[in-house]
Amino acid sequence: MATAYVLINCDIGKERAVLEELKKVPGVIEANLLYGVYDIIVKIVGKDDKEVREVVLTRIRMLPGVRRTLTMPVVEV
């Protein structure tokens, strides 16, 4: 099992719409609005790193209103 957190910057005024769409993406188990440098934080799980990467590249980054992402893969000890 692989896990990552993704910080997202949205177009101004699109934060809530993006949040609602993120909640529909397979692999997204948590999504929350933030204030500060980033607008949204998302927790993703997948069977491996490749699956998590695909969710970020083909689902999250393609959503209308998403401007920029920062992905932080979790390293399990």
PDB file of N, CA and C in Angstrom:
ATOM      1  N   MET A   1       0.848  -1.180   0.000  1.00  0.00           N
ATOM      2  CA  MET A   1       0.000   0.000   0.000  1.00  0.00           C
ATOM      3  C   MET A   1       0.890   1.238   0.000  1.00  0.00           C
ATOM      4  N   ALA A   2       0.559   2.204  -0.844  1.00  0.00           N
ATOM      5  CA  ALA A   2       1.303   3.461  -0.936  1.00  0.00           C
ATOM      6  C   ALA A   2       0.362   4.611  -0.553  1.00  0.00           C
ATOM      7  N   THR A   3       0.948   5.619   0.089  1.00  0.00           N
ATOM      8  CA  THR A   3       0.184   6.786   0.532  1.00  0.00           C
ATOM      9  C   THR A   3       0.938   8.047   0.139  1.00  0.00           C
ATOM     10  N   ALA A   4       0.198   9.095  -0.196  1.00  0.00           N
ATOM     11  CA  ALA A   4       0.801  10.399  -0.470  1.00  0.00           C
ATOM     12  C   ALA A   4      -0.173  11.490  -0.049  1.00  0.00           C
ATOM     13  N   TYR A   5       0.392  12.623   0.297  1.00  0.00           N
ATOM     14  CA  TYR A   5      -0.387  13.827   0.544  1.00  0.00           C
ATOM     15  C   TYR A   5      -0.102  14.776  -0.611  1.00  0.00           C
ATOM     16  N   VAL A   6      -1.147  15.457  -1.071  1.00  0.00           N
ATOM     17  CA  VAL A   6      -0.996  16.398  -2.170  1.00  0.00           C
ATOM     18  C   VAL A   6      -1.532  17.752  -1.719  1.00  0.00           C
ATOM     19  N   LEU A   7      -0.687  18.764  -1.831  1.00  0.00           N
ATOM     20  CA  LEU A   7      -1.091  20.143  -1.570  1.00  0.00           C
ATOM     21  C   LEU A   7      -1.456  20.771  -2.901  1.00  0.00           C
ATOM     22  N   ILE A   8      -2.566  21.485  -2.921  1.00  0.00           N
ATOM     23  CA  ILE A   8      -3.093  22.002  -4.181  1.00  0.00           C
ATOM     24  C   ILE A   8      -3.349  23.502  -4.088  1.00  0.00           C
ATOM     25  N   ASN A   9      -2.933  24.219  -5.141  1.00  0.00           N
ATOM     26  CA  ASN A   9      -3.317  25.615  -5.341  1.00  0.00           C
ATOM     27  C   ASN A   9      -4.386  25.636  -6.420  1.00  0.00           C
ATOM     28  N   CYS A  10      -5.443  26.387  -6.168  1.00  0.00           N
ATOM     29  CA  CYS A  10      -6.569  26.471  -7.102  1.00  0.00           C
ATOM     30  C   CYS A  10      -6.665  27.879  -7.681  1.00  0.00           C
ATOM     31  N   ASP A  11      -7.391  27.968  -8.790  1.00  0.00           N
ATOM     32  CA  ASP A  11      -7.759  29.284  -9.298  1.00  0.00           C
ATOM     33  C   ASP A  11      -8.645  29.956  -8.251  1.00  0.00           C
ATOM     34  N   ILE A  12      -8.540  31.261  -8.145  1.00  0.00           N
ATOM     35  CA  ILE A  12      -9.308  32.000  -7.144  1.00  0.00           C
ATOM     36  C   ILE A  12     -10.800  31.764  -7.344  1.00  0.00           C
ATOM     37  N   GLY A  13     -11.464  31.397  -6.257  1.00  0.00           N
ATOM     38  CA  GLY A  13     -12.896  31.170  -6.281  1.00  0.00           C
ATOM     39  C   GLY A  13     -13.311  29.763  -6.675  1.00  0.00           C
ATOM     40  N   LYS A  14     -12.367  28.902  -7.030  1.00  0.00           N
ATOM     41  CA  LYS A  14     -12.679  27.542  -7.481  1.00  0.00           C
ATOM     42  C   LYS A  14     -12.424  26.485  -6.404  1.00  0.00           C
ATOM     43  N   GLU A  15     -12.016  26.902  -5.218  1.00  0.00           N
ATOM     44  CA  GLU A  15     -11.599  25.959  -4.176  1.00  0.00           C
ATOM     45  C   GLU A  15     -12.682  24.942  -3.817  1.00  0.00           C
ATOM     46  N   ARG A  16     -13.882  25.391  -3.566  1.00  0.00           N
ATOM     47  CA  ARG A  16     -14.953  24.469  -3.148  1.00  0.00           C
ATOM     48  C   ARG A  16     -15.357  23.523  -4.280  1.00  0.00           C
ATOM     49  N   ALA A  17     -15.399  24.015  -5.498  1.00  0.00           N
ATOM     50  CA  ALA A  17     -15.735  23.164  -6.640  1.00  0.00           C
ATOM     51  C   ALA A  17     -14.673  22.084  -6.831  1.00  0.00           C
ATOM     52  N   VAL A  18     -13.403  22.468  -6.717  1.00  0.00           N
ATOM     53  CA  VAL A  18     -12.312  21.494  -6.838  1.00  0.00           C
ATOM     54  C   VAL A  18     -12.399  20.471  -5.710  1.00  0.00           C
ATOM     55  N   LEU A  19     -12.666  20.928  -4.496  1.00  0.00           N
ATOM     56  CA  LEU A  19     -12.778  20.023  -3.351  1.00  0.00           C
ATOM     57  C   LEU A  19     -13.852  18.964  -3.589  1.00  0.00           C
ATOM     58  N   GLU A  20     -14.995  19.379  -4.087  1.00  0.00           N
ATOM     59  CA  GLU A  20     -16.092  18.425  -4.334  1.00  0.00           C
ATOM     60  C   GLU A  20     -15.716  17.409  -5.412  1.00  0.00           C
ATOM     61  N   GLU A  21     -14.999  17.850  -6.436  1.00  0.00           N
ATOM     62  CA  GLU A  21     -14.565  16.915  -7.481  1.00  0.00           C
ATOM     63  C   GLU A  21     -13.494  15.958  -6.959  1.00  0.00           C
ATOM     64  N   LEU A  22     -12.612  16.443  -6.105  1.00  0.00           N
ATOM     65  CA  LEU A  22     -11.569  15.593  -5.535  1.00  0.00           C
ATOM     66  C   LEU A  22     -12.156  14.447  -4.724  1.00  0.00           C
ATOM     67  N   LYS A  23     -13.239  14.711  -4.036  1.00  0.00           N
ATOM     68  CA  LYS A  23     -13.870  13.685  -3.206  1.00  0.00           C
ATOM     69  C   LYS A  23     -14.430  12.528  -4.038  1.00  0.00           C
ATOM     70  N   LYS A  24     -14.603  12.737  -5.339  1.00  0.00           N
ATOM     71  CA  LYS A  24     -15.111  11.707  -6.242  1.00  0.00           C
ATOM     72  C   LYS A  24     -13.993  10.872  -6.874  1.00  0.00           C
ATOM     73  N   VAL A  25     -12.745  11.298  -6.728  1.00  0.00           N
ATOM     74  CA  VAL A  25     -11.613  10.627  -7.382  1.00  0.00           C
ATOM     75  C   VAL A  25     -11.263   9.340  -6.633  1.00  0.00           C
ATOM     76  N   PRO A  26     -11.225   8.199  -7.339  1.00  0.00           N
ATOM     77  CA  PRO A  26     -10.815   6.954  -6.693  1.00  0.00           C
ATOM     78  C   PRO A  26      -9.407   7.076  -6.118  1.00  0.00           C
ATOM     79  N   GLY A  27      -9.231   6.600  -4.909  1.00  0.00           N
ATOM     80  CA  GLY A  27      -7.932   6.684  -4.248  1.00  0.00           C
ATOM     81  C   GLY A  27      -7.820   7.845  -3.280  1.00  0.00           C
ATOM     82  N   VAL A  28      -8.662   8.861  -3.449  1.00  0.00           N
ATOM     83  CA  VAL A  28      -8.667   9.997  -2.523  1.00  0.00           C
ATOM     84  C   VAL A  28      -9.491   9.585  -1.312  1.00  0.00           C
ATOM     85  N   ILE A  29      -8.826   9.512  -0.157  1.00  0.00           N
ATOM     86  CA  ILE A  29      -9.549   9.095   1.042  1.00  0.00           C
ATOM     87  C   ILE A  29      -9.860  10.259   1.971  1.00  0.00           C
ATOM     88  N   GLU A  30      -9.229  11.397   1.724  1.00  0.00           N
ATOM     89  CA  GLU A  30      -9.511  12.588   2.532  1.00  0.00           C
ATOM     90  C   GLU A  30      -9.131  13.821   1.733  1.00  0.00           C
ATOM     91  N   ALA A  31      -9.955  14.863   1.820  1.00  0.00           N
ATOM     92  CA  ALA A  31      -9.676  16.129   1.156  1.00  0.00           C
ATOM     93  C   ALA A  31     -10.226  17.248   2.024  1.00  0.00           C
ATOM     94  N   ASN A  32      -9.396  18.253   2.281  1.00  0.00           N
ATOM     95  CA  ASN A  32      -9.781  19.342   3.177  1.00  0.00           C
ATOM     96  C   ASN A  32      -9.327  20.688   2.630  1.00  0.00           C
ATOM     97  N   LEU A  33     -10.159  21.714   2.859  1.00  0.00           N
ATOM     98  CA  LEU A  33      -9.777  23.081   2.523  1.00  0.00           C
ATOM     99  C   LEU A  33      -8.772  23.601   3.543  1.00  0.00           C
ATOM    100  N   LEU A  34      -7.863  24.422   3.080  1.00  0.00           N
ATOM    101  CA  LEU A  34      -6.860  25.074   3.930  1.00  0.00           C
ATOM    102  C   LEU A  34      -6.917  26.575   3.674  1.00  0.00           C
ATOM    103  N   TYR A  35      -6.247  27.333   4.509  1.00  0.00           N
ATOM    104  CA  TYR A  35      -5.971  28.721   4.176  1.00  0.00           C
ATOM    105  C   TYR A  35      -4.498  28.942   4.421  1.00  0.00           C
ATOM    106  N   GLY A  36      -3.930  29.842   3.641  1.00  0.00           N
ATOM    107  CA  GLY A  36      -2.490  30.055   3.693  1.00  0.00           C
ATOM    108  C   GLY A  36      -1.920  29.865   2.296  1.00  0.00           C
ATOM    109  N   VAL A  37      -0.744  29.280   2.209  1.00  0.00           N
ATOM    110  CA  VAL A  37      -0.048  29.113   0.932  1.00  0.00           C
ATOM    111  C   VAL A  37      -0.802  28.166  -0.003  1.00  0.00           C
ATOM    112  N   TYR A  38      -1.387  27.100   0.543  1.00  0.00           N
ATOM    113  CA  TYR A  38      -2.127  26.125  -0.259  1.00  0.00           C
ATOM    114  C   TYR A  38      -3.607  26.195   0.062  1.00  0.00           C
ATOM    115  N   ASP A  39      -4.423  25.763  -0.901  1.00  0.00           N
ATOM    116  CA  ASP A  39      -5.875  25.834  -0.761  1.00  0.00           C
ATOM    117  C   ASP A  39      -6.503  24.526  -0.280  1.00  0.00           C
ATOM    118  N   ILE A  40      -5.916  23.398  -0.691  1.00  0.00           N
ATOM    119  CA  ILE A  40      -6.493  22.083  -0.390  1.00  0.00           C
ATOM    120  C   ILE A  40      -5.373  21.098  -0.081  1.00  0.00           C
ATOM    121  N   ILE A  41      -5.638  20.180   0.845  1.00  0.00           N
ATOM    122  CA  ILE A  41      -4.751  19.041   1.076  1.00  0.00           C
ATOM    123  C   ILE A  41      -5.563  17.768   0.853  1.00  0.00           C
ATOM    124  N   VAL A  42      -4.934  16.811   0.172  1.00  0.00           N
ATOM    125  CA  VAL A  42      -5.590  15.557  -0.177  1.00  0.00           C
ATOM    126  C   VAL A  42      -4.707  14.405   0.278  1.00  0.00           C
ATOM    127  N   LYS A  43      -5.328  13.368   0.809  1.00  0.00           N
ATOM    128  CA  LYS A  43      -4.623  12.131   1.140  1.00  0.00           C
ATOM    129  C   LYS A  43      -5.047  11.083   0.129  1.00  0.00           C
ATOM    130  N   ILE A  44      -4.047  10.445  -0.497  1.00  0.00           N
ATOM    131  CA  ILE A  44      -4.293   9.436  -1.521  1.00  0.00           C
ATOM    132  C   ILE A  44      -3.683   8.116  -1.081  1.00  0.00           C
ATOM    133  N   VAL A  45      -4.378   7.027  -1.349  1.00  0.00           N
ATOM    134  CA  VAL A  45      -3.810   5.695  -1.147  1.00  0.00           C
ATOM    135  C   VAL A  45      -3.968   4.899  -2.434  1.00  0.00           C
ATOM    136  N   GLY A  46      -3.026   4.001  -2.657  1.00  0.00           N
ATOM    137  CA  GLY A  46      -3.072   3.127  -3.817  1.00  0.00           C
ATOM    138  C   GLY A  46      -2.313   1.855  -3.517  1.00  0.00           C
ATOM    139  N   LYS A  47      -2.403   0.891  -4.428  1.00  0.00           N
ATOM    140  CA  LYS A  47      -1.731  -0.388  -4.194  1.00  0.00           C
ATOM    141  C   LYS A  47      -0.213  -0.249  -4.249  1.00  0.00           C
ATOM    142  N   ASP A  48       0.282   0.767  -4.995  1.00  0.00           N
ATOM    143  CA  ASP A  48       1.726   1.007  -5.082  1.00  0.00           C
ATOM    144  C   ASP A  48       1.967   2.464  -5.491  1.00  0.00           C
ATOM    145  N   ASP A  49       3.249   2.852  -5.552  1.00  0.00           N
ATOM    146  CA  ASP A  49       3.591   4.238  -5.909  1.00  0.00           C
ATOM    147  C   ASP A  49       3.114   4.610  -7.307  1.00  0.00           C
ATOM    148  N   LYS A  50       3.159   3.658  -8.218  1.00  0.00           N
ATOM    149  CA  LYS A  50       2.725   3.926  -9.586  1.00  0.00           C
ATOM    150  C   LYS A  50       1.254   4.313  -9.627  1.00  0.00           C
ATOM    151  N   GLU A  51       0.426   3.601  -8.889  1.00  0.00           N
ATOM    152  CA  GLU A  51      -1.003   3.914  -8.859  1.00  0.00           C
ATOM    153  C   GLU A  51      -1.251   5.305  -8.271  1.00  0.00           C
ATOM    154  N   VAL A  52      -0.553   5.638  -7.207  1.00  0.00           N
ATOM    155  CA  VAL A  52      -0.691   6.962  -6.590  1.00  0.00           C
ATOM    156  C   VAL A  52      -0.257   8.046  -7.583  1.00  0.00           C
ATOM    157  N   ARG A  53       0.861   7.824  -8.253  1.00  0.00           N
ATOM    158  CA  ARG A  53       1.361   8.794  -9.235  1.00  0.00           C
ATOM    159  C   ARG A  53       0.334   9.008 -10.357  1.00  0.00           C
ATOM    160  N   GLU A  54      -0.292   7.933 -10.819  1.00  0.00           N
ATOM    161  CA  GLU A  54      -1.293   8.039 -11.879  1.00  0.00           C
ATOM    162  C   GLU A  54      -2.506   8.854 -11.443  1.00  0.00           C
ATOM    163  N   VAL A  55      -2.918   8.686 -10.189  1.00  0.00           N
ATOM    164  CA  VAL A  55      -4.044   9.477  -9.672  1.00  0.00           C
ATOM    165  C   VAL A  55      -3.691  10.963  -9.715  1.00  0.00           C
ATOM    166  N   VAL A  56      -2.493  11.293  -9.294  1.00  0.00           N
ATOM    167  CA  VAL A  56      -2.070  12.697  -9.287  1.00  0.00           C
ATOM    168  C   VAL A  56      -1.976  13.238 -10.709  1.00  0.00           C
ATOM    169  N   LEU A  57      -1.300  12.499 -11.575  1.00  0.00           N
ATOM    170  CA  LEU A  57      -1.039  12.997 -12.931  1.00  0.00           C
ATOM    171  C   LEU A  57      -2.280  13.021 -13.821  1.00  0.00           C
ATOM    172  N   THR A  58      -3.109  11.988 -13.751  1.00  0.00           N
ATOM    173  CA  THR A  58      -4.207  11.894 -14.713  1.00  0.00           C
ATOM    174  C   THR A  58      -5.563  12.305 -14.156  1.00  0.00           C
ATOM    175  N   ARG A  59      -5.707  12.390 -12.855  1.00  0.00           N
ATOM    176  CA  ARG A  59      -7.010  12.751 -12.286  1.00  0.00           C
ATOM    177  C   ARG A  59      -6.966  14.121 -11.600  1.00  0.00           C
ATOM    178  N   ILE A  60      -6.055  14.295 -10.653  1.00  0.00           N
ATOM    179  CA  ILE A  60      -6.048  15.533  -9.861  1.00  0.00           C
ATOM    180  C   ILE A  60      -5.571  16.724 -10.680  1.00  0.00           C
ATOM    181  N   ARG A  61      -4.441  16.599 -11.341  1.00  0.00           N
ATOM    182  CA  ARG A  61      -3.897  17.745 -12.094  1.00  0.00           C
ATOM    183  C   ARG A  61      -4.765  18.145 -13.276  1.00  0.00           C
ATOM    184  N   MET A  62      -5.619  17.257 -13.735  1.00  0.00           N
ATOM    185  CA  MET A  62      -6.472  17.548 -14.888  1.00  0.00           C
ATOM    186  C   MET A  62      -7.795  18.211 -14.503  1.00  0.00           C
ATOM    187  N   LEU A  63      -8.087  18.297 -13.213  1.00  0.00           N
ATOM    188  CA  LEU A  63      -9.348  18.910 -12.789  1.00  0.00           C
ATOM    189  C   LEU A  63      -9.365  20.401 -13.114  1.00  0.00           C
ATOM    190  N   PRO A  64     -10.467  20.889 -13.664  1.00  0.00           N
ATOM    191  CA  PRO A  64     -10.587  22.329 -13.903  1.00  0.00           C
ATOM    192  C   PRO A  64     -10.461  23.090 -12.575  1.00  0.00           C
ATOM    193  N   GLY A  65      -9.666  24.142 -12.586  1.00  0.00           N
ATOM    194  CA  GLY A  65      -9.478  24.953 -11.388  1.00  0.00           C
ATOM    195  C   GLY A  65      -8.218  24.629 -10.620  1.00  0.00           C
ATOM    196  N   VAL A  66      -7.580  23.489 -10.902  1.00  0.00           N
ATOM    197  CA  VAL A  66      -6.319  23.146 -10.237  1.00  0.00           C
ATOM    198  C   VAL A  66      -5.198  23.879 -10.963  1.00  0.00           C
ATOM    199  N   ARG A  67      -4.475  24.668 -10.221  1.00  0.00           N
ATOM    200  CA  ARG A  67      -3.386  25.459 -10.806  1.00  0.00           C
ATOM    201  C   ARG A  67      -2.039  24.772 -10.615  1.00  0.00           C
ATOM    202  N   ARG A  68      -1.771  24.251  -9.401  1.00  0.00           N
ATOM    203  CA  ARG A  68      -0.451  23.703  -9.081  1.00  0.00           C
ATOM    204  C   ARG A  68      -0.608  22.659  -7.986  1.00  0.00           C
ATOM    205  N   THR A  69       0.267  21.638  -7.994  1.00  0.00           N
ATOM    206  CA  THR A  69       0.254  20.626  -6.938  1.00  0.00           C
ATOM    207  C   THR A  69       1.659  20.406  -6.397  1.00  0.00           C
ATOM    208  N   LEU A  70       1.717  19.956  -5.171  1.00  0.00           N
ATOM    209  CA  LEU A  70       2.958  19.513  -4.531  1.00  0.00           C
ATOM    210  C   LEU A  70       2.654  18.170  -3.890  1.00  0.00           C
ATOM    211  N   THR A  71       3.275  17.119  -4.411  1.00  0.00           N
ATOM    212  CA  THR A  71       3.006  15.762  -3.927  1.00  0.00           C
ATOM    213  C   THR A  71       4.101  15.330  -2.960  1.00  0.00           C
ATOM    214  N   MET A  72       3.661  14.782  -1.820  1.00  0.00           N
ATOM    215  CA  MET A  72       4.588  14.320  -0.791  1.00  0.00           C
ATOM    216  C   MET A  72       4.304  12.853  -0.499  1.00  0.00           C
ATOM    217  N   PRO A  73       5.062  11.933  -1.143  1.00  0.00           N
ATOM    218  CA  PRO A  73       4.877  10.510  -0.865  1.00  0.00           C
ATOM    219  C   PRO A  73       5.288  10.181   0.571  1.00  0.00           C
ATOM    220  N   VAL A  74       4.524   9.322   1.195  1.00  0.00           N
ATOM    221  CA  VAL A  74       4.831   8.885   2.562  1.00  0.00           C
ATOM    222  C   VAL A  74       5.832   7.744   2.497  1.00  0.00           C
ATOM    223  N   VAL A  75       6.888   7.848   3.297  1.00  0.00           N
ATOM    224  CA  VAL A  75       7.891   6.792   3.391  1.00  0.00           C
ATOM    225  C   VAL A  75       7.632   6.060   4.698  1.00  0.00           C
ATOM    226  N   GLU A  76       7.260   4.810   4.590  1.00  0.00           N
ATOM    227  CA  GLU A  76       6.982   4.029   5.793  1.00  0.00           C
ATOM    228  C   GLU A  76       8.264   3.403   6.307  1.00  0.00           C
ATOM    229  N   VAL A  77       8.473   3.485   7.607  1.00  0.00           N
ATOM    230  CA  VAL A  77       9.698   2.950   8.204  1.00  0.00           C
ATOM    231  C   VAL A  77       9.414   1.565   8.757  1.00  0.00           C
TER     232      VAL A  77
END
